[in-house]
PDB file of N, CA and C in Angstrom:
ATOM      1  N   MET A   1      93.170 123.484 102.157  1.00  0.00           N
ATOM      2  CA  MET A   1      94.136 122.439 102.479  1.00  0.00           C
ATOM      3  C   MET A   1      93.573 121.081 102.078  1.00  0.00           C
ATOM      4  N   THR A   2      94.379 120.304 101.385  1.00  0.00           N
ATOM      5  CA  THR A   2      93.974 118.967 100.973  1.00  0.00           C
ATOM      6  C   THR A   2      94.150 118.011 102.141  1.00  0.00           C
ATOM      7  N   THR A   3      93.179 117.151 102.346  1.00  0.00           N
ATOM      8  CA  THR A   3      93.280 116.143 103.399  1.00  0.00           C
ATOM      9  C   THR A   3      93.058 114.770 102.798  1.00  0.00           C
ATOM     10  N   HIS A   4      93.433 113.764 103.552  1.00  0.00           N
ATOM     11  CA  HIS A   4      93.191 112.393 103.100  1.00  0.00           C
ATOM     12  C   HIS A   4      91.828 111.915 103.605  1.00  0.00           C
ATOM     13  N   LYS A   5      91.376 110.806 103.048  1.00  0.00           N
ATOM     14  CA  LYS A   5      90.133 110.170 103.477  1.00  0.00           C
ATOM     15  C   LYS A   5      90.450 108.748 103.901  1.00  0.00           C
ATOM     16  N   ASP A   6      89.595 108.193 104.739  1.00  0.00           N
ATOM     17  CA  ASP A   6      89.733 106.783 105.113  1.00  0.00           C
ATOM     18  C   ASP A   6      88.943 105.930 104.142  1.00  0.00           C
ATOM     19  N   ILE A   7      89.426 104.723 103.914  1.00  0.00           N
ATOM     20  CA  ILE A   7      88.759 103.760 103.053  1.00  0.00           C
ATOM     21  C   ILE A   7      88.701 102.436 103.809  1.00  0.00           C
ATOM     22  N   ASP A   8      87.624 101.678 103.649  1.00  0.00           N
ATOM     23  CA  ASP A   8      87.560 100.386 104.331  1.00  0.00           C
ATOM     24  C   ASP A   8      88.065  99.287 103.396  1.00  0.00           C
ATOM     25  N   ALA A   9      88.232  98.100 103.943  1.00  0.00           N
ATOM     26  CA  ALA A   9      88.827  96.990 103.204  1.00  0.00           C
ATOM     27  C   ALA A   9      88.017  96.629 101.961  1.00  0.00           C
ATOM     28  N   ALA A  10      86.697  96.603 102.060  1.00  0.00           N
ATOM     29  CA  ALA A  10      85.857  96.241 100.911  1.00  0.00           C
ATOM     30  C   ALA A  10      85.994  97.259  99.781  1.00  0.00           C
ATOM     31  N   ASP A  11      86.019  98.538 100.123  1.00  0.00           N
ATOM     32  CA  ASP A  11      86.186  99.569  99.096  1.00  0.00           C
ATOM     33  C   ASP A  11      87.578  99.506  98.468  1.00  0.00           C
ATOM     34  N   LEU A  12      88.595  99.203  99.280  1.00  0.00           N
ATOM     35  CA  LEU A  12      89.941  99.057  98.733  1.00  0.00           C
ATOM     36  C   LEU A  12      89.989  97.865  97.784  1.00  0.00           C
ATOM     37  N   PHE A  13      89.384  96.763  98.157  1.00  0.00           N
ATOM     38  CA  PHE A  13      89.362  95.584  97.284  1.00  0.00           C
ATOM     39  C   PHE A  13      88.735  95.938  95.928  1.00  0.00           C
ATOM     40  N   ALA A  14      87.648  96.697  95.951  1.00  0.00           N
ATOM     41  CA  ALA A  14      86.986  97.114  94.712  1.00  0.00           C
ATOM     42  C   ALA A  14      87.906  97.992  93.858  1.00  0.00           C
ATOM     43  N   LEU A  15      88.647  98.897  94.486  1.00  0.00           N
ATOM     44  CA  LEU A  15      89.596  99.735  93.746  1.00  0.00           C
ATOM     45  C   LEU A  15      90.706  98.894  93.127  1.00  0.00           C
ATOM     46  N   ILE A  16      91.189  97.906  93.878  1.00  0.00           N
ATOM     47  CA  ILE A  16      92.244  97.034  93.358  1.00  0.00           C
ATOM     48  C   ILE A  16      91.729  96.271  92.142  1.00  0.00           C
ATOM     49  N   GLU A  17      90.500  95.815  92.209  1.00  0.00           N
ATOM     50  CA  GLU A  17      89.896  95.100  91.077  1.00  0.00           C
ATOM     51  C   GLU A  17      89.854  95.979  89.828  1.00  0.00           C
ATOM     52  N   LYS A  18      89.609  97.278  90.007  1.00  0.00           N
ATOM     53  CA  LYS A  18      89.584  98.217  88.884  1.00  0.00           C
ATOM     54  C   LYS A  18      90.990  98.527  88.383  1.00  0.00           C
ATOM     55  N   GLY A  19      91.989  98.394  89.271  1.00  0.00           N
ATOM     56  CA  GLY A  19      93.376  98.658  88.897  1.00  0.00           C
ATOM     57  C   GLY A  19      93.697 100.124  88.719  1.00  0.00           C
ATOM     58  N   THR A  20      93.009 100.987  89.445  1.00  0.00           N
ATOM     59  CA  THR A  20      93.185 102.425  89.256  1.00  0.00           C
ATOM     60  C   THR A  20      93.804 103.096  90.482  1.00  0.00           C
ATOM     61  N   LEU A  21      94.843 102.492  91.055  1.00  0.00           N
ATOM     62  CA  LEU A  21      95.431 103.076  92.250  1.00  0.00           C
ATOM     63  C   LEU A  21      96.898 102.726  92.386  1.00  0.00           C
ATOM     64  N   ARG A  22      97.549 103.461  93.281  1.00  0.00           N
ATOM     65  CA  ARG A  22      98.893 103.129  93.766  1.00  0.00           C
ATOM     66  C   ARG A  22      98.722 102.780  95.230  1.00  0.00           C
ATOM     67  N   LEU A  23      99.221 101.632  95.624  1.00  0.00           N
ATOM     68  CA  LEU A  23      99.065 101.116  96.977  1.00  0.00           C
ATOM     69  C   LEU A  23     100.426 101.112  97.654  1.00  0.00           C
ATOM     70  N   ILE A  24     100.516 101.788  98.814  1.00  0.00           N
ATOM     71  CA  ILE A  24     101.790 101.941  99.519  1.00  0.00           C
ATOM     72  C   ILE A  24     101.699 101.327 100.911  1.00  0.00           C
ATOM     73  N   ASP A  25     102.585 100.382 101.193  1.00  0.00           N
ATOM     74  CA  ASP A  25     102.685  99.724 102.499  1.00  0.00           C
ATOM     75  C   ASP A  25     103.771 100.438 103.294  1.00  0.00           C
ATOM     76  N   VAL A  26     103.405 101.060 104.423  1.00  0.00           N
ATOM     77  CA  VAL A  26     104.370 101.836 105.206  1.00  0.00           C
ATOM     78  C   VAL A  26     104.893 101.083 106.426  1.00  0.00           C
ATOM     79  N   ARG A  27     104.620  99.773 106.501  1.00  0.00           N
ATOM     80  CA  ARG A  27     105.087  98.995 107.649  1.00  0.00           C
ATOM     81  C   ARG A  27     106.597  98.781 107.594  1.00  0.00           C
ATOM     82  N   ASN A  28     107.147  98.282 108.689  1.00  0.00           N
ATOM     83  CA  ASN A  28     108.565  97.945 108.769  1.00  0.00           C
ATOM     84  C   ASN A  28     108.836  96.671 107.983  1.00  0.00           C
ATOM     85  N   ALA A  29     110.090  96.444 107.630  1.00  0.00           N
ATOM     86  CA  ALA A  29     110.471  95.290 106.818  1.00  0.00           C
ATOM     87  C   ALA A  29     110.058  93.967 107.452  1.00  0.00           C
ATOM     88  N   ASP A  30     110.181  93.838 108.770  1.00  0.00           N
ATOM     89  CA  ASP A  30     109.817  92.572 109.412  1.00  0.00           C
ATOM     90  C   ASP A  30     108.315  92.308 109.310  1.00  0.00           C
ATOM     91  N   GLU A  31     107.499  93.349 109.297  1.00  0.00           N
ATOM     92  CA  GLU A  31     106.058  93.192 109.137  1.00  0.00           C
ATOM     93  C   GLU A  31     105.717  92.807 107.698  1.00  0.00           C
ATOM     94  N   VAL A  32     106.369  93.454 106.754  1.00  0.00           N
ATOM     95  CA  VAL A  32     106.121  93.218 105.340  1.00  0.00           C
ATOM     96  C   VAL A  32     106.525  91.786 104.962  1.00  0.00           C
ATOM     97  N   ALA A  33     107.537  91.253 105.619  1.00  0.00           N
ATOM     98  CA  ALA A  33     107.997  89.890 105.333  1.00  0.00           C
ATOM     99  C   ALA A  33     106.894  88.859 105.560  1.00  0.00           C
ATOM    100  N   ARG A  34     105.896  89.191 106.364  1.00  0.00           N
ATOM    101  CA  ARG A  34     104.790  88.265 106.635  1.00  0.00           C
ATOM    102  C   ARG A  34     103.738  88.293 105.527  1.00  0.00           C
ATOM    103  N   GLY A  35     103.830  89.235 104.614  1.00  0.00           N
ATOM    104  CA  GLY A  35     102.895  89.329 103.502  1.00  0.00           C
ATOM    105  C   GLY A  35     102.387  90.742 103.316  1.00  0.00           C
ATOM    106  N   ILE A  36     102.018  91.039 102.078  1.00  0.00           N
ATOM    107  CA  ILE A  36     101.516  92.362 101.711  1.00  0.00           C
ATOM    108  C   ILE A  36     100.193  92.200 100.973  1.00  0.00           C
ATOM    109  N   ILE A  37      99.545  93.302 100.727  1.00  0.00           N
ATOM    110  CA  ILE A  37      98.392  93.298  99.835  1.00  0.00           C
ATOM    111  C   ILE A  37      98.971  93.321  98.420  1.00  0.00           C
ATOM    112  N   ALA A  38      98.531  92.396  97.581  1.00  0.00           N
ATOM    113  CA  ALA A  38      99.091  92.250  96.231  1.00  0.00           C
ATOM    114  C   ALA A  38      99.100  93.588  95.494  1.00  0.00           C
ATOM    115  N   GLY A  39     100.241  93.868  94.867  1.00  0.00           N
ATOM    116  CA  GLY A  39     100.394  95.092  94.089  1.00  0.00           C
ATOM    117  C   GLY A  39     100.950  96.265  94.867  1.00  0.00           C
ATOM    118  N   ALA A  40     101.129  96.099  96.174  1.00  0.00           N
ATOM    119  CA  ALA A  40     101.623  97.199  97.009  1.00  0.00           C
ATOM    120  C   ALA A  40     103.116  97.420  96.801  1.00  0.00           C
ATOM    121  N   ARG A  41     103.507  98.649  97.002  1.00  0.00           N
ATOM    122  CA  ARG A  41     104.924  99.039  97.019  1.00  0.00           C
ATOM    123  C   ARG A  41     105.286  99.315  98.469  1.00  0.00           C
ATOM    124  N   HIS A  42     106.405  98.788  98.922  1.00  0.00           N
ATOM    125  CA  HIS A  42     106.831  98.986 100.300  1.00  0.00           C
ATOM    126  C   HIS A  42     107.706 100.232 100.417  1.00  0.00           C
ATOM    127  N   ILE A  43     107.220 101.203 101.179  1.00  0.00           N
ATOM    128  CA  ILE A  43     108.007 102.388 101.537  1.00  0.00           C
ATOM    129  C   ILE A  43     107.788 102.579 103.041  1.00  0.00           C
ATOM    130  N   PRO A  44     108.765 102.220 103.880  1.00  0.00           N
ATOM    131  CA  PRO A  44     108.580 102.392 105.323  1.00  0.00           C
ATOM    132  C   PRO A  44     108.220 103.842 105.669  1.00  0.00           C
ATOM    133  N   LEU A  45     107.435 104.012 106.707  1.00  0.00           N
ATOM    134  CA  LEU A  45     106.979 105.342 107.118  1.00  0.00           C
ATOM    135  C   LEU A  45     108.139 106.328 107.221  1.00  0.00           C
ATOM    136  N   SER A  46     109.267 105.884 107.746  1.00  0.00           N
ATOM    137  CA  SER A  46     110.405 106.790 107.935  1.00  0.00           C
ATOM    138  C   SER A  46     110.961 107.322 106.612  1.00  0.00           C
ATOM    139  N   LEU A  47     110.659 106.654 105.501  1.00  0.00           N
ATOM    140  CA  LEU A  47     111.168 107.084 104.193  1.00  0.00           C
ATOM    141  C   LEU A  47     110.148 107.861 103.363  1.00  0.00           C
ATOM    142  N   ILE A  48     108.950 108.040 103.900  1.00  0.00           N
ATOM    143  CA  ILE A  48     107.916 108.779 103.166  1.00  0.00           C
ATOM    144  C   ILE A  48     108.373 110.212 102.839  1.00  0.00           C
ATOM    145  N   PRO A  49     108.967 110.959 103.795  1.00  0.00           N
ATOM    146  CA  PRO A  49     109.415 112.320 103.433  1.00  0.00           C
ATOM    147  C   PRO A  49     110.415 112.345 102.271  1.00  0.00           C
ATOM    148  N   ALA A  50     111.275 111.346 102.190  1.00  0.00           N
ATOM    149  CA  ALA A  50     112.250 111.285 101.100  1.00  0.00           C
ATOM    150  C   ALA A  50     111.590 110.923  99.768  1.00  0.00           C
ATOM    151  N   SER A  51     110.371 110.388  99.813  1.00  0.00           N
ATOM    152  CA  SER A  51     109.649 109.967  98.613  1.00  0.00           C
ATOM    153  C   SER A  51     108.553 110.951  98.217  1.00  0.00           C
ATOM    154  N   VAL A  52     108.534 112.129  98.842  1.00  0.00           N
ATOM    155  CA  VAL A  52     107.430 113.068  98.640  1.00  0.00           C
ATOM    156  C   VAL A  52     107.268 113.472  97.174  1.00  0.00           C
ATOM    157  N   ASP A  53     108.337 113.687  96.447  1.00  0.00           N
ATOM    158  CA  ASP A  53     108.212 114.098  95.046  1.00  0.00           C
ATOM    159  C   ASP A  53     107.527 113.006  94.221  1.00  0.00           C
ATOM    160  N   ASP A  54     107.941 111.771  94.415  1.00  0.00           N
ATOM    161  CA  ASP A  54     107.335 110.652  93.692  1.00  0.00           C
ATOM    162  C   ASP A  54     105.871 110.458  94.099  1.00  0.00           C
ATOM    163  N   LEU A  55     105.589 110.564  95.393  1.00  0.00           N
ATOM    164  CA  LEU A  55     104.241 110.287  95.884  1.00  0.00           C
ATOM    165  C   LEU A  55     103.255 111.419  95.608  1.00  0.00           C
ATOM    166  N   THR A  56     103.731 112.613  95.391  1.00  0.00           N
ATOM    167  CA  THR A  56     102.822 113.718  95.079  1.00  0.00           C
ATOM    168  C   THR A  56     102.593 113.858  93.576  1.00  0.00           C
ATOM    169  N   ALA A  57     103.367 113.144  92.772  1.00  0.00           N
ATOM    170  CA  ALA A  57     103.188 113.175  91.314  1.00  0.00           C
ATOM    171  C   ALA A  57     102.003 112.292  90.926  1.00  0.00           C
ATOM    172  N   GLY A  58     101.331 112.650  89.891  1.00  0.00           N
ATOM    173  CA  GLY A  58     100.227 111.839  89.378  1.00  0.00           C
ATOM    174  C   GLY A  58      98.897 112.220  89.988  1.00  0.00           C
ATOM    175  N   SER A  59      97.859 111.616  89.447  1.00  0.00           N
ATOM    176  CA  SER A  59      96.518 111.931  89.931  1.00  0.00           C
ATOM    177  C   SER A  59      95.710 110.691  90.286  1.00  0.00           C
ATOM    178  N   GLU A  60      96.281 109.501  90.058  1.00  0.00           N
ATOM    179  CA  GLU A  60      95.550 108.300  90.403  1.00  0.00           C
ATOM    180  C   GLU A  60      95.337 108.218  91.912  1.00  0.00           C
ATOM    181  N   THR A  61      94.417 107.391  92.326  1.00  0.00           N
ATOM    182  CA  THR A  61      94.152 107.201  93.749  1.00  0.00           C
ATOM    183  C   THR A  61      95.391 106.619  94.413  1.00  0.00           C
ATOM    184  N   LEU A  62      95.757 107.170  95.550  1.00  0.00           N
ATOM    185  CA  LEU A  62      96.922 106.747  96.317  1.00  0.00           C
ATOM    186  C   LEU A  62      96.434 106.257  97.672  1.00  0.00           C
ATOM    187  N   VAL A  63      96.695 104.988  97.980  1.00  0.00           N
ATOM    188  CA  VAL A  63      96.212 104.394  99.230  1.00  0.00           C
ATOM    189  C   VAL A  63      97.393 103.914 100.051  1.00  0.00           C
ATOM    190  N   PHE A  64      97.451 104.367 101.298  1.00  0.00           N
ATOM    191  CA  PHE A  64      98.473 103.934 102.243  1.00  0.00           C
ATOM    192  C   PHE A  64      97.865 102.938 103.224  1.00  0.00           C
ATOM    193  N   TYR A  65      98.682 101.974 103.666  1.00  0.00           N
ATOM    194  CA  TYR A  65      98.227 101.077 104.724  1.00  0.00           C
ATOM    195  C   TYR A  65      99.394 100.635 105.587  1.00  0.00           C
ATOM    196  N   CYS A  66      99.057 100.202 106.795  1.00  0.00           N
ATOM    197  CA  CYS A  66     100.031  99.674 107.746  1.00  0.00           C
ATOM    198  C   CYS A  66      99.354  98.537 108.518  1.00  0.00           C
ATOM    199  N   HIS A  67      99.789  98.297 109.722  1.00  0.00           N
ATOM    200  CA  HIS A  67      99.229  97.208 110.517  1.00  0.00           C
ATOM    201  C   HIS A  67      97.814  97.521 110.984  1.00  0.00           C
ATOM    202  N   SER A  68      97.621  98.723 111.551  1.00  0.00           N
ATOM    203  CA  SER A  68      96.307  99.048 112.123  1.00  0.00           C
ATOM    204  C   SER A  68      95.695 100.345 111.596  1.00  0.00           C
ATOM    205  N   GLY A  69      96.418 101.062 110.762  1.00  0.00           N
ATOM    206  CA  GLY A  69      95.896 102.296 110.188  1.00  0.00           C
ATOM    207  C   GLY A  69      96.435 103.571 110.799  1.00  0.00           C
ATOM    208  N   ILE A  70      97.242 103.467 111.835  1.00  0.00           N
ATOM    209  CA  ILE A  70      97.785 104.662 112.499  1.00  0.00           C
ATOM    210  C   ILE A  70      98.934 105.271 111.683  1.00  0.00           C
ATOM    211  N   ARG A  71      99.959 104.482 111.413  1.00  0.00           N
ATOM    212  CA  ARG A  71     101.110 104.995 110.653  1.00  0.00           C
ATOM    213  C   ARG A  71     100.712 105.402 109.240  1.00  0.00           C
ATOM    214  N   SER A  72      99.853 104.609 108.615  1.00  0.00           N
ATOM    215  CA  SER A  72      99.434 104.951 107.256  1.00  0.00           C
ATOM    216  C   SER A  72      98.596 106.224 107.244  1.00  0.00           C
ATOM    217  N   GLY A  73      97.858 106.478 108.316  1.00  0.00           N
ATOM    218  CA  GLY A  73      97.129 107.734 108.437  1.00  0.00           C
ATOM    219  C   GLY A  73      98.078 108.913 108.490  1.00  0.00           C
ATOM    220  N   GLN A  74      99.204 108.732 109.183  1.00  0.00           N
ATOM    221  CA  GLN A  74     100.219 109.790 109.241  1.00  0.00           C
ATOM    222  C   GLN A  74     100.820 110.029 107.856  1.00  0.00           C
ATOM    223  N   ALA A  75     101.121 108.942 107.151  1.00  0.00           N
ATOM    224  CA  ALA A  75     101.691 109.068 105.802  1.00  0.00           C
ATOM    225  C   ALA A  75     100.706 109.749 104.858  1.00  0.00           C
ATOM    226  N   ALA A  76      99.440 109.335 104.922  1.00  0.00           N
ATOM    227  CA  ALA A  76      98.419 109.924 104.054  1.00  0.00           C
ATOM    228  C   ALA A  76      98.250 111.416 104.351  1.00  0.00           C
ATOM    229  N   SER A  77      98.225 111.783 105.619  1.00  0.00           N
ATOM    230  CA  SER A  77      98.116 113.197 105.993  1.00  0.00           C
ATOM    231  C   SER A  77      99.303 114.005 105.484  1.00  0.00           C
ATOM    232  N   PHE A  78     100.491 113.440 105.627  1.00  0.00           N
ATOM    233  CA  PHE A  78     101.704 114.119 105.195  1.00  0.00           C
ATOM    234  C   PHE A  78     101.669 114.385 103.685  1.00  0.00           C
ATOM    235  N   ILE A  79     101.347 113.355 102.909  1.00  0.00           N
ATOM    236  CA  ILE A  79     101.327 113.511 101.455  1.00  0.00           C
ATOM    237  C   ILE A  79     100.202 114.455 101.026  1.00  0.00           C
ATOM    238  N   ALA A  80      99.041 114.340 101.642  1.00  0.00           N
ATOM    239  CA  ALA A  80      97.930 115.249 101.320  1.00  0.00           C
ATOM    240  C   ALA A  80      98.290 116.693 101.661  1.00  0.00           C
ATOM    241  N   SER A  81      99.063 116.893 102.726  1.00  0.00           N
ATOM    242  CA  SER A  81      99.450 118.254 103.119  1.00  0.00           C
ATOM    243  C   SER A  81     100.391 118.897 102.104  1.00  0.00           C
ATOM    244  N   HIS A  82     100.954 118.081 101.215  1.00  0.00           N
ATOM    245  CA  HIS A  82     101.811 118.594 100.142  1.00  0.00           C
ATOM    246  C   HIS A  82     101.021 118.817  98.853  1.00  0.00           C
ATOM    247  N   GLY A  83      99.697 118.859  98.975  1.00  0.00           N
ATOM    248  CA  GLY A  83      98.849 119.201  97.841  1.00  0.00           C
ATOM    249  C   GLY A  83      98.351 118.039  97.010  1.00  0.00           C
ATOM    250  N   ARG A  84      98.735 116.825  97.359  1.00  0.00           N
ATOM    251  CA  ARG A  84      98.292 115.643  96.587  1.00  0.00           C
ATOM    252  C   ARG A  84      96.833 115.361  96.888  1.00  0.00           C
ATOM    253  N   GLU A  85      96.047 115.149  95.842  1.00  0.00           N
ATOM    254  CA  GLU A  85      94.635 114.806  96.002  1.00  0.00           C
ATOM    255  C   GLU A  85      94.451 113.312  95.790  1.00  0.00           C
ATOM    256  N   ASN A  86      93.256 112.820  96.096  1.00  0.00           N
ATOM    257  CA  ASN A  86      92.931 111.395  95.962  1.00  0.00           C
ATOM    258  C   ASN A  86      93.831 110.525  96.830  1.00  0.00           C
ATOM    259  N   VAL A  87      94.002 110.930  98.085  1.00  0.00           N
ATOM    260  CA  VAL A  87      94.840 110.204  99.035  1.00  0.00           C
ATOM    261  C   VAL A  87      93.948 109.538 100.085  1.00  0.00           C
ATOM    262  N   TYR A  88      94.195 108.238 100.297  1.00  0.00           N
ATOM    263  CA  TYR A  88      93.380 107.453 101.224  1.00  0.00           C
ATOM    264  C   TYR A  88      94.254 106.680 102.200  1.00  0.00           C
ATOM    265  N   ASN A  89      93.661 106.361 103.337  1.00  0.00           N
ATOM    266  CA  ASN A  89      94.259 105.530 104.376  1.00  0.00           C
ATOM    267  C   ASN A  89      93.353 104.324 104.577  1.00  0.00           C
ATOM    268  N   LEU A  90      93.928 103.119 104.560  1.00  0.00           N
ATOM    269  CA  LEU A  90      93.140 101.915 104.838  1.00  0.00           C
ATOM    270  C   LEU A  90      92.813 101.875 106.320  1.00  0.00           C
ATOM    271  N   GLN A  91      91.580 102.146 106.630  1.00  0.00           N
ATOM    272  CA  GLN A  91      91.119 102.162 108.015  1.00  0.00           C
ATOM    273  C   GLN A  91      91.240 100.748 108.599  1.00  0.00           C
ATOM    274  N   GLY A  92      91.967 100.643 109.707  1.00  0.00           N
ATOM    275  CA  GLY A  92      92.163  99.347 110.359  1.00  0.00           C
ATOM    276  C   GLY A  92      93.326  98.544 109.813  1.00  0.00           C
ATOM    277  N   GLY A  93      93.980  99.047 108.761  1.00  0.00           N
ATOM    278  CA  GLY A  93      95.177  98.424 108.212  1.00  0.00           C
ATOM    279  C   GLY A  93      95.008  96.973 107.784  1.00  0.00           C
ATOM    280  N   VAL A  94      96.122  96.234 107.837  1.00  0.00           N
ATOM    281  CA  VAL A  94      96.075  94.831 107.422  1.00  0.00           C
ATOM    282  C   VAL A  94      95.234  93.990 108.376  1.00  0.00           C
ATOM    283  N   LEU A  95      95.066  94.479 109.593  1.00  0.00           N
ATOM    284  CA  LEU A  95      94.172  93.762 110.516  1.00  0.00           C
ATOM    285  C   LEU A  95      92.758  93.729 109.949  1.00  0.00           C
ATOM    286  N   ALA A  96      92.261  94.861 109.484  1.00  0.00           N
ATOM    287  CA  ALA A  96      90.922  94.932 108.897  1.00  0.00           C
ATOM    288  C   ALA A  96      90.865  94.168 107.584  1.00  0.00           C
ATOM    289  N   TRP A  97      91.923  94.264 106.790  1.00  0.00           N
ATOM    290  CA  TRP A  97      91.989  93.554 105.515  1.00  0.00           C
ATOM    291  C   TRP A  97      91.855  92.042 105.747  1.00  0.00           C
ATOM    292  N   GLY A  98      92.638  91.525 106.694  1.00  0.00           N
ATOM    293  CA  GLY A  98      92.597  90.100 107.008  1.00  0.00           C
ATOM    294  C   GLY A  98      91.255  89.672 107.592  1.00  0.00           C
ATOM    295  N   ARG A  99      90.704  90.488 108.495  1.00  0.00           N
ATOM    296  CA  ARG A  99      89.399  90.175 109.100  1.00  0.00           C
ATOM    297  C   ARG A  99      88.297  90.110 108.047  1.00  0.00           C
ATOM    298  N   ALA A 100      88.432  90.894 107.001  1.00  0.00           N
ATOM    299  CA  ALA A 100      87.442  90.899 105.922  1.00  0.00           C
ATOM    300  C   ALA A 100      87.608  89.694 104.995  1.00  0.00           C
ATOM    301  N   GLY A 101      88.679  88.916 105.201  1.00  0.00           N
ATOM    302  CA  GLY A 101      88.891  87.703 104.416  1.00  0.00           C
ATOM    303  C   GLY A 101      89.636  87.897 103.112  1.00  0.00           C
ATOM    304  N   PHE A 102      90.261  89.057 102.931  1.00  0.00           N
ATOM    305  CA  PHE A 102      90.993  89.320 101.700  1.00  0.00           C
ATOM    306  C   PHE A 102      92.404  88.748 101.802  1.00  0.00           C
ATOM    307  N   PRO A 103      93.001  88.364 100.663  1.00  0.00           N
ATOM    308  CA  PRO A 103      94.287  87.656 100.683  1.00  0.00           C
ATOM    309  C   PRO A 103      95.505  88.564 100.828  1.00  0.00           C
ATOM    310  N   PHE A 104      96.593  87.921 101.229  1.00  0.00           N
ATOM    311  CA  PHE A 104      97.909  88.549 101.290  1.00  0.00           C
ATOM    312  C   PHE A 104      98.800  87.840 100.282  1.00  0.00           C
ATOM    313  N   ALA A 105      99.867  88.513  99.881  1.00  0.00           N
ATOM    314  CA  ALA A 105     100.814  87.957  98.922  1.00  0.00           C
ATOM    315  C   ALA A 105     102.227  88.177  99.456  1.00  0.00           C
ATOM    316  N   PRO A 106     103.187  87.378  98.996  1.00  0.00           N
ATOM    317  CA  PRO A 106     104.578  87.643  99.387  1.00  0.00           C
ATOM    318  C   PRO A 106     105.075  88.910  98.701  1.00  0.00           C
ATOM    319  N   LEU A 107     105.998  89.604  99.325  1.00  0.00           N
ATOM    320  CA  LEU A 107     106.605  90.798  98.733  1.00  0.00           C
ATOM    321  C   LEU A 107     107.455  90.374  97.549  1.00  0.00           C
ATOM    322  N   GLN A 108     107.234  91.017  96.415  1.00  0.00           N
ATOM    323  CA  GLN A 108     108.026  90.737  95.217  1.00  0.00           C
ATOM    324  C   GLN A 108     109.241  91.652  95.194  1.00  0.00           C
ATOM    325  N   ALA A 109     110.386  91.090  94.932  1.00  0.00           N
ATOM    326  CA  ALA A 109     111.628  91.883  94.918  1.00  0.00           C
ATOM    327  C   ALA A 109     111.692  92.797  93.735  1.00  0.00           C
TER     328      ALA A 109
END
């Protein structure tokens, strides 16, 4: 059985610098309106099952995040349980990202 792994903010920042990942924000729209991690795609947790075909395709690193890492952990587990490899959860979510001093960006339409 494929499982997801946790990643910390510094390691995620390094992956973003390399540009070798898909970043998925699973927070609610009101949370996302306050800012996202640049390059992220917003898919609320409730819509992850409907996006399973898209999210299980490909082999690049797939990183989920939310506010504190709980919901994104659920999303990462769900997608990994469908056989997708290279699936990560941002441990501590945007709280950890912000505490580490990394920037946020507005959501691009």
